[in-house]
């Protein structure tokens, strides 16, 4: 497997200033996992969503919070911590600090699939 330099990866613009950098994976599904770095500007909040597979997010930089359906609680996010979410668990996360929140998401699937739910 080649070395991947995150700074060399293109950032795909999403909604409201959010960006996504694909680290491992492609649209053809040629890898067994899909990994990406998500950067959320201060004040950004994802939609309530889930994935049809396990997702693991690791906080790289910044501060935020996440809501997880299994506990119904809001969890503070900070660098050096990970959340492990089973398939189908509804969740959201937001950037609460004055700097962007950067997280790495590992999707236990060859494809990144996001199922959005009403808030």
N, C-alpha and C. Protein backbone atom coordinates (compact mmCIF):
# COMPACT_ATOMS: atom_id res chain seq x y z
N UNK A 1 0.85 -1.18 0.00
CA UNK A 1 0.00 0.00 0.00
C UNK A 1 0.89 1.24 0.00
N UNK A 2 0.63 2.18 -0.85
CA UNK A 2 1.46 3.38 -0.89
C UNK A 2 1.23 4.29 0.32
N UNK A 3 2.21 5.12 0.57
CA UNK A 3 2.05 6.14 1.62
C UNK A 3 1.11 7.22 1.10
N UNK A 4 0.26 7.72 1.95
CA UNK A 4 -0.71 8.75 1.57
C UNK A 4 -0.42 10.00 2.38
N UNK A 5 -0.15 11.09 1.70
CA UNK A 5 0.11 12.36 2.36
C UNK A 5 -1.20 13.15 2.36
N UNK A 6 -1.78 13.32 3.54
CA UNK A 6 -3.09 13.96 3.65
C UNK A 6 -3.12 15.36 3.04
N UNK A 7 -2.04 16.11 3.20
CA UNK A 7 -1.99 17.48 2.66
C UNK A 7 -2.07 17.50 1.13
N UNK A 8 -1.76 16.38 0.49
CA UNK A 8 -1.81 16.31 -0.97
C UNK A 8 -3.17 15.89 -1.52
N UNK A 9 -4.09 15.52 -0.64
CA UNK A 9 -5.40 15.05 -1.08
C UNK A 9 -6.32 16.23 -1.40
N UNK A 10 -7.09 16.13 -2.48
CA UNK A 10 -8.05 17.21 -2.77
C UNK A 10 -9.18 17.21 -1.74
N UNK A 11 -9.67 18.39 -1.43
CA UNK A 11 -10.80 18.54 -0.50
C UNK A 11 -12.06 18.77 -1.31
N UNK A 12 -13.01 17.86 -1.20
CA UNK A 12 -14.28 17.97 -1.91
C UNK A 12 -15.23 18.84 -1.09
N UNK A 13 -15.66 19.98 -1.66
CA UNK A 13 -16.58 20.84 -0.91
C UNK A 13 -17.95 20.17 -0.76
N UNK A 14 -18.51 20.25 0.43
CA UNK A 14 -19.83 19.72 0.70
C UNK A 14 -20.72 20.92 1.04
N UNK A 15 -21.68 20.78 1.94
CA UNK A 15 -22.57 21.88 2.25
C UNK A 15 -22.03 22.75 3.39
N UNK A 16 -22.31 24.03 3.34
CA UNK A 16 -22.01 24.99 4.42
C UNK A 16 -20.54 25.04 4.85
N UNK A 17 -19.61 24.92 3.89
CA UNK A 17 -18.20 25.03 4.19
C UNK A 17 -17.52 23.76 4.65
N UNK A 18 -18.27 22.67 4.76
CA UNK A 18 -17.75 21.37 5.16
C UNK A 18 -16.98 20.77 3.99
N UNK A 19 -15.83 20.13 4.25
CA UNK A 19 -15.08 19.48 3.18
C UNK A 19 -14.80 18.03 3.54
N UNK A 20 -14.59 17.20 2.51
CA UNK A 20 -14.31 15.78 2.67
C UNK A 20 -13.13 15.40 1.80
N UNK A 21 -12.12 14.78 2.40
CA UNK A 21 -10.95 14.29 1.67
C UNK A 21 -10.97 12.77 1.74
N UNK A 22 -11.08 12.11 0.60
CA UNK A 22 -11.03 10.66 0.57
C UNK A 22 -9.57 10.23 0.73
N UNK A 23 -9.31 9.42 1.74
CA UNK A 23 -7.96 8.91 2.01
C UNK A 23 -7.80 7.52 1.39
N UNK A 24 -8.78 6.65 1.64
CA UNK A 24 -8.77 5.29 1.09
C UNK A 24 -10.16 5.02 0.55
N UNK A 25 -10.24 4.55 -0.68
CA UNK A 25 -11.52 4.22 -1.28
C UNK A 25 -11.74 4.96 -2.58
N UNK A 26 -12.75 4.52 -3.32
CA UNK A 26 -13.09 5.16 -4.59
C UNK A 26 -14.53 4.82 -4.95
N UNK A 27 -15.03 5.44 -6.00
CA UNK A 27 -16.42 5.25 -6.40
C UNK A 27 -16.69 3.84 -6.92
N UNK A 28 -15.64 3.11 -7.32
CA UNK A 28 -15.80 1.75 -7.82
C UNK A 28 -15.84 0.72 -6.69
N UNK A 29 -15.50 1.12 -5.46
CA UNK A 29 -15.54 0.20 -4.34
C UNK A 29 -14.43 -0.83 -4.36
N UNK A 30 -13.23 -0.42 -4.75
CA UNK A 30 -12.12 -1.36 -4.89
C UNK A 30 -11.36 -1.66 -3.59
N UNK A 31 -11.77 -1.04 -2.48
CA UNK A 31 -11.12 -1.30 -1.19
C UNK A 31 -12.16 -1.82 -0.20
N UNK A 32 -11.76 -2.60 0.80
CA UNK A 32 -12.75 -3.14 1.74
C UNK A 32 -13.25 -2.13 2.77
N UNK A 33 -12.57 -0.98 2.89
CA UNK A 33 -13.00 0.09 3.79
C UNK A 33 -12.94 1.41 3.03
N UNK A 34 -13.66 2.40 3.55
CA UNK A 34 -13.64 3.74 2.98
C UNK A 34 -13.25 4.68 4.12
N UNK A 35 -12.17 5.44 3.93
CA UNK A 35 -11.65 6.32 4.97
C UNK A 35 -11.56 7.73 4.43
N UNK A 36 -12.00 8.70 5.23
CA UNK A 36 -11.93 10.08 4.80
C UNK A 36 -11.69 11.03 5.96
N UNK A 37 -11.17 12.20 5.63
CA UNK A 37 -10.97 13.26 6.62
C UNK A 37 -12.02 14.32 6.35
N UNK A 38 -12.78 14.62 7.39
CA UNK A 38 -13.85 15.61 7.30
C UNK A 38 -13.43 16.85 8.08
N UNK A 39 -13.58 18.01 7.45
CA UNK A 39 -13.24 19.27 8.11
C UNK A 39 -14.50 20.12 8.17
N UNK A 40 -14.87 20.48 9.41
CA UNK A 40 -16.09 21.26 9.65
C UNK A 40 -15.70 22.62 10.21
N UNK A 41 -16.13 23.72 9.57
CA UNK A 41 -15.81 25.04 10.10
C UNK A 41 -16.54 25.29 11.42
N UNK A 42 -16.07 26.25 12.21
CA UNK A 42 -16.75 26.58 13.47
C UNK A 42 -18.25 26.83 13.24
N UNK A 43 -19.08 26.24 14.10
CA UNK A 43 -20.52 26.42 14.00
C UNK A 43 -21.23 25.41 13.11
N UNK A 44 -20.49 24.59 12.37
CA UNK A 44 -21.11 23.61 11.46
C UNK A 44 -21.72 22.45 12.24
N UNK A 45 -22.85 21.95 11.77
CA UNK A 45 -23.48 20.76 12.34
C UNK A 45 -23.96 19.87 11.21
N UNK A 46 -23.66 18.59 11.30
CA UNK A 46 -24.14 17.65 10.28
C UNK A 46 -25.65 17.46 10.44
N UNK A 47 -26.25 16.90 9.42
CA UNK A 47 -27.64 16.47 9.53
C UNK A 47 -27.66 15.20 10.37
N UNK A 48 -28.81 14.90 10.96
CA UNK A 48 -28.99 13.63 11.64
C UNK A 48 -28.89 12.55 10.57
N UNK A 49 -27.99 11.59 10.79
CA UNK A 49 -27.77 10.58 9.77
C UNK A 49 -27.30 9.27 10.38
N UNK A 50 -27.22 8.25 9.53
CA UNK A 50 -26.69 6.95 9.93
C UNK A 50 -26.00 6.34 8.72
N UNK A 51 -25.38 5.18 8.93
CA UNK A 51 -24.71 4.44 7.88
C UNK A 51 -25.12 2.98 8.01
N UNK A 52 -25.24 2.23 6.90
CA UNK A 52 -25.67 0.83 6.99
C UNK A 52 -24.53 -0.12 7.36
N UNK A 53 -23.51 0.39 8.01
CA UNK A 53 -22.34 -0.36 8.42
C UNK A 53 -21.71 0.36 9.61
N UNK A 54 -20.75 -0.25 10.28
CA UNK A 54 -20.07 0.40 11.40
C UNK A 54 -19.24 1.58 10.88
N UNK A 55 -19.25 2.67 11.67
CA UNK A 55 -18.39 3.82 11.38
C UNK A 55 -17.59 4.14 12.64
N UNK A 56 -16.33 4.45 12.46
CA UNK A 56 -15.47 4.87 13.56
C UNK A 56 -14.93 6.25 13.20
N UNK A 57 -15.14 7.23 14.08
CA UNK A 57 -14.57 8.55 13.83
C UNK A 57 -13.54 8.85 14.91
N UNK A 58 -12.43 9.44 14.48
CA UNK A 58 -11.35 9.83 15.38
C UNK A 58 -11.13 11.32 15.22
N UNK A 59 -11.12 12.04 16.32
CA UNK A 59 -10.93 13.49 16.29
C UNK A 59 -9.43 13.78 16.14
N UNK A 60 -9.09 14.52 15.10
CA UNK A 60 -7.70 14.89 14.83
C UNK A 60 -7.36 16.27 15.38
N UNK A 61 -8.27 17.23 15.16
CA UNK A 61 -8.05 18.61 15.60
C UNK A 61 -9.39 19.26 15.91
N UNK A 62 -9.35 20.28 16.74
CA UNK A 62 -10.54 21.08 17.02
C UNK A 62 -11.39 20.50 18.14
N UNK A 63 -12.52 21.15 18.34
CA UNK A 63 -13.46 20.75 19.38
C UNK A 63 -14.85 20.63 18.78
N UNK A 64 -15.64 19.77 19.38
CA UNK A 64 -17.00 19.61 18.89
C UNK A 64 -17.82 18.81 19.86
N UNK A 65 -18.97 18.37 19.36
CA UNK A 65 -19.84 17.50 20.14
C UNK A 65 -20.58 16.60 19.17
N UNK A 66 -21.04 15.48 19.71
CA UNK A 66 -21.78 14.51 18.90
C UNK A 66 -22.96 14.00 19.71
N UNK A 67 -24.05 13.73 19.02
CA UNK A 67 -25.21 13.09 19.64
C UNK A 67 -25.29 11.69 19.09
N UNK A 68 -25.48 10.72 19.99
CA UNK A 68 -25.53 9.31 19.61
C UNK A 68 -26.85 8.71 20.05
N UNK A 69 -27.54 8.08 19.11
CA UNK A 69 -28.86 7.54 19.38
C UNK A 69 -28.88 6.51 20.51
N UNK A 70 -27.85 5.70 20.62
CA UNK A 70 -27.90 4.63 21.62
C UNK A 70 -27.91 5.15 23.06
N UNK A 71 -27.33 6.33 23.29
CA UNK A 71 -27.34 6.89 24.64
C UNK A 71 -28.29 8.08 24.76
N UNK A 72 -28.60 8.70 23.63
CA UNK A 72 -29.43 9.90 23.66
C UNK A 72 -28.70 11.08 24.25
N UNK A 73 -27.40 10.94 24.45
CA UNK A 73 -26.60 11.99 25.09
C UNK A 73 -25.69 12.69 24.09
N UNK A 74 -25.30 13.89 24.45
CA UNK A 74 -24.32 14.64 23.67
C UNK A 74 -22.95 14.40 24.30
N UNK A 75 -21.99 14.05 23.47
CA UNK A 75 -20.63 13.73 23.91
C UNK A 75 -19.69 14.82 23.42
N UNK A 76 -18.83 15.33 24.30
CA UNK A 76 -17.82 16.31 23.89
C UNK A 76 -16.77 15.62 23.05
N UNK A 77 -16.36 16.27 21.95
CA UNK A 77 -15.32 15.75 21.07
C UNK A 77 -14.06 16.56 21.24
N UNK A 78 -12.92 15.87 21.33
CA UNK A 78 -11.63 16.55 21.44
C UNK A 78 -10.57 15.65 20.80
N UNK A 79 -9.44 16.21 20.41
CA UNK A 79 -8.40 15.40 19.78
C UNK A 79 -7.98 14.22 20.67
N UNK A 80 -7.70 13.12 20.01
CA UNK A 80 -7.24 11.94 20.72
C UNK A 80 -8.34 11.01 21.18
N UNK A 81 -9.57 11.22 20.70
CA UNK A 81 -10.66 10.31 21.07
C UNK A 81 -11.36 9.80 19.82
N UNK A 82 -12.00 8.64 19.96
CA UNK A 82 -12.73 8.01 18.86
C UNK A 82 -14.12 7.62 19.32
N UNK A 83 -15.05 7.61 18.39
CA UNK A 83 -16.41 7.10 18.62
C UNK A 83 -16.61 5.91 17.69
N UNK A 84 -17.18 4.84 18.22
CA UNK A 84 -17.47 3.64 17.43
C UNK A 84 -18.97 3.50 17.36
N UNK A 85 -19.51 3.60 16.15
CA UNK A 85 -20.96 3.58 15.98
C UNK A 85 -21.38 2.36 15.17
N UNK A 86 -22.24 1.52 15.72
CA UNK A 86 -22.68 0.34 14.98
C UNK A 86 -23.56 0.72 13.79
N UNK A 87 -23.74 -0.23 12.90
CA UNK A 87 -24.56 -0.03 11.72
C UNK A 87 -25.95 0.47 12.10
N UNK A 88 -26.42 1.49 11.39
CA UNK A 88 -27.77 1.99 11.57
C UNK A 88 -27.98 2.97 12.71
N UNK A 89 -26.94 3.23 13.52
CA UNK A 89 -27.12 4.14 14.65
C UNK A 89 -27.17 5.60 14.17
N UNK A 90 -28.26 6.28 14.49
CA UNK A 90 -28.40 7.68 14.12
C UNK A 90 -27.47 8.53 14.98
N UNK A 91 -26.89 9.56 14.34
CA UNK A 91 -25.97 10.45 15.05
C UNK A 91 -25.80 11.75 14.27
N UNK A 92 -25.24 12.73 14.95
CA UNK A 92 -24.80 13.97 14.31
C UNK A 92 -23.58 14.45 15.07
N UNK A 93 -22.81 15.33 14.43
CA UNK A 93 -21.72 15.98 15.14
C UNK A 93 -21.64 17.43 14.71
N UNK A 94 -21.03 18.25 15.56
CA UNK A 94 -20.89 19.67 15.25
C UNK A 94 -19.53 20.17 15.71
N UNK A 95 -19.13 21.28 15.10
CA UNK A 95 -17.87 21.95 15.44
C UNK A 95 -18.21 23.10 16.39
N UNK A 96 -17.70 23.04 17.62
CA UNK A 96 -18.08 24.02 18.63
C UNK A 96 -16.97 25.00 18.98
N UNK A 97 -15.75 24.75 18.55
CA UNK A 97 -14.64 25.62 18.90
C UNK A 97 -14.50 26.80 17.95
N UNK A 98 -13.42 27.55 18.11
CA UNK A 98 -13.18 28.69 17.23
C UNK A 98 -12.27 28.32 16.05
N UNK A 99 -11.90 27.03 15.95
CA UNK A 99 -11.10 26.51 14.84
C UNK A 99 -11.86 25.34 14.23
N UNK A 100 -11.55 24.97 12.99
CA UNK A 100 -12.26 23.85 12.37
C UNK A 100 -12.07 22.54 13.14
N UNK A 101 -13.09 21.71 13.09
CA UNK A 101 -13.06 20.36 13.65
C UNK A 101 -12.65 19.43 12.51
N UNK A 102 -11.57 18.67 12.72
CA UNK A 102 -11.11 17.69 11.72
C UNK A 102 -11.22 16.30 12.32
N UNK A 103 -11.95 15.45 11.64
CA UNK A 103 -12.10 14.06 12.09
C UNK A 103 -11.78 13.11 10.94
N UNK A 104 -11.30 11.94 11.31
CA UNK A 104 -11.10 10.89 10.32
C UNK A 104 -12.19 9.87 10.53
N UNK A 105 -12.91 9.57 9.47
CA UNK A 105 -13.98 8.58 9.52
C UNK A 105 -13.59 7.31 8.80
N UNK A 106 -13.73 6.18 9.48
CA UNK A 106 -13.48 4.87 8.88
C UNK A 106 -14.83 4.20 8.70
N UNK A 107 -15.16 3.93 7.46
CA UNK A 107 -16.43 3.29 7.11
C UNK A 107 -16.16 1.83 6.79
N UNK A 108 -16.78 0.91 7.50
CA UNK A 108 -16.57 -0.52 7.30
C UNK A 108 -17.33 -0.99 6.07
N UNK A 109 -16.98 -0.41 4.94
CA UNK A 109 -17.66 -0.68 3.68
C UNK A 109 -16.78 -0.16 2.55
N UNK A 110 -16.88 -0.75 1.37
CA UNK A 110 -16.12 -0.21 0.23
C UNK A 110 -16.68 1.13 -0.28
N UNK A 111 -17.89 1.47 0.16
CA UNK A 111 -18.55 2.71 -0.26
C UNK A 111 -18.95 3.54 0.95
N UNK A 112 -18.89 4.85 0.82
CA UNK A 112 -19.38 5.76 1.87
C UNK A 112 -20.86 6.03 1.57
N UNK A 113 -21.72 5.55 2.44
CA UNK A 113 -23.17 5.70 2.27
C UNK A 113 -23.72 6.45 3.47
N UNK A 114 -24.42 7.56 3.21
CA UNK A 114 -24.99 8.38 4.27
C UNK A 114 -26.50 8.38 4.11
N UNK A 115 -27.20 7.94 5.15
CA UNK A 115 -28.66 7.94 5.16
C UNK A 115 -29.12 9.08 6.07
N UNK A 116 -29.71 10.12 5.48
CA UNK A 116 -30.14 11.31 6.23
C UNK A 116 -31.53 11.07 6.79
N UNK A 117 -31.73 11.48 8.05
CA UNK A 117 -33.01 11.33 8.75
C UNK A 117 -33.54 12.71 9.10
N UNK A 118 -34.85 12.84 9.21
CA UNK A 118 -35.43 14.13 9.63
C UNK A 118 -34.98 14.49 11.02
N UNK A 119 -34.80 15.78 11.27
CA UNK A 119 -34.29 16.23 12.59
C UNK A 119 -35.44 16.38 13.58
